Protein backbone atom coordinates (compact mmCIF):
# COMPACT_ATOMS: atom_id res chain seq x y z
CA MET A 1 -9.10 -14.09 -6.04
CA THR A 2 -5.79 -15.58 -4.86
CA LEU A 3 -4.45 -15.77 -1.22
CA ALA A 4 -1.66 -13.38 -2.08
CA PHE A 5 -4.08 -10.79 -3.30
CA LEU A 6 -6.29 -11.08 -0.14
CA SER A 7 -3.17 -10.84 2.03
CA GLN A 8 -2.04 -7.69 0.20
CA GLU A 9 -5.53 -6.12 0.67
CA LEU A 10 -5.54 -7.11 4.36
CA ILE A 11 -2.07 -5.52 4.92
CA GLU A 12 -3.21 -2.35 3.05
CA TYR A 13 -6.14 -1.95 5.49
CA VAL A 14 -4.02 -2.69 8.49
CA PHE A 15 -1.48 0.01 7.51
CA LEU A 16 -4.25 2.36 6.75
CA VAL A 17 -5.66 1.86 10.24
CA ILE A 18 -2.14 2.34 11.83
CA PHE A 19 -1.60 5.58 9.87
CA THR A 20 -5.10 6.87 10.68
CA LEU A 21 -4.52 6.29 14.41
CA GLU A 22 -1.20 7.95 14.32
CA ALA A 23 -2.63 10.97 12.50
CA ILE A 24 -5.51 11.22 15.06
CA MET A 25 -3.19 11.13 17.92
CA LYS A 26 -1.04 13.79 16.38
CA VAL A 27 -3.95 15.97 15.69
CA VAL A 28 -5.20 15.62 19.27
CA ALA A 29 -1.69 16.38 20.63
CA TYR A 30 -0.64 19.25 18.31
CA GLY A 31 -3.95 20.65 16.93
CA PHE A 32 -4.81 20.53 13.27
CA ALA A 33 -3.98 23.77 11.49
CA LEU A 34 -4.49 27.03 13.43
CA HIS A 35 -1.22 27.68 15.38
CA PRO A 36 2.49 27.58 14.81
CA GLY A 37 3.12 24.08 16.22
CA CYS A 38 0.17 22.38 14.60
CA TYR A 39 0.04 19.05 12.79
CA LEU A 40 -0.08 20.47 9.27
CA ARG A 41 3.04 22.80 9.82
CA ASN A 42 5.31 19.68 9.57
CA GLY A 43 6.31 18.25 6.15
CA TRP A 44 6.26 14.68 7.38
CA ASN A 45 2.78 15.19 8.91
CA ILE A 46 1.53 16.59 5.52
CA LEU A 47 2.80 13.40 3.87
CA ASP A 48 1.04 11.18 6.55
CA PHE A 49 -2.18 13.11 6.06
CA PHE A 50 -1.90 12.78 2.21
CA ILE A 51 -1.23 9.01 2.51
CA VAL A 52 -4.24 8.55 4.84
CA SER A 53 -6.46 10.66 2.66
CA VAL A 54 -5.57 8.81 -0.53
CA GLY A 55 -5.84 5.49 1.22
CA TYR A 56 -9.47 6.37 2.15
CA VAL A 57 -10.28 7.64 -1.33
CA ILE A 58 -9.03 4.38 -2.83
CA SER A 59 -10.84 2.28 -0.24
CA LEU A 60 -14.10 4.17 -0.67
CA SER A 61 -13.92 4.00 -4.53
CA ALA A 62 -13.39 0.28 -4.41
CA LEU A 63 -16.77 -0.15 -2.67
CA PRO A 64 -19.63 -1.28 -4.80
CA ALA A 65 -22.21 1.25 -5.50
CA VAL A 66 -25.11 1.07 -3.10
CA VAL A 67 -27.69 2.89 -5.13
CA ASP A 68 -28.05 2.53 -8.83
CA ILE A 69 -29.02 5.95 -10.33
CA GLN A 70 -30.89 5.67 -13.61
CA SER A 71 -31.66 8.69 -15.81
């Protein structure tokens, strides 16, 4: 692994944390999905939520398998 690759990975995780904190603060402030002014009624917030969700799916899929299931 090169230094550039490690730097890109670190930056990816830093931005994932920043977007996650932003999403959590907005959900606490606006509510999630049940009233007219909620978080998921705004297109930009939907985009943020999608980016955070995909970021976690990619991060979790990159983790090595903990348990090896054999059939």
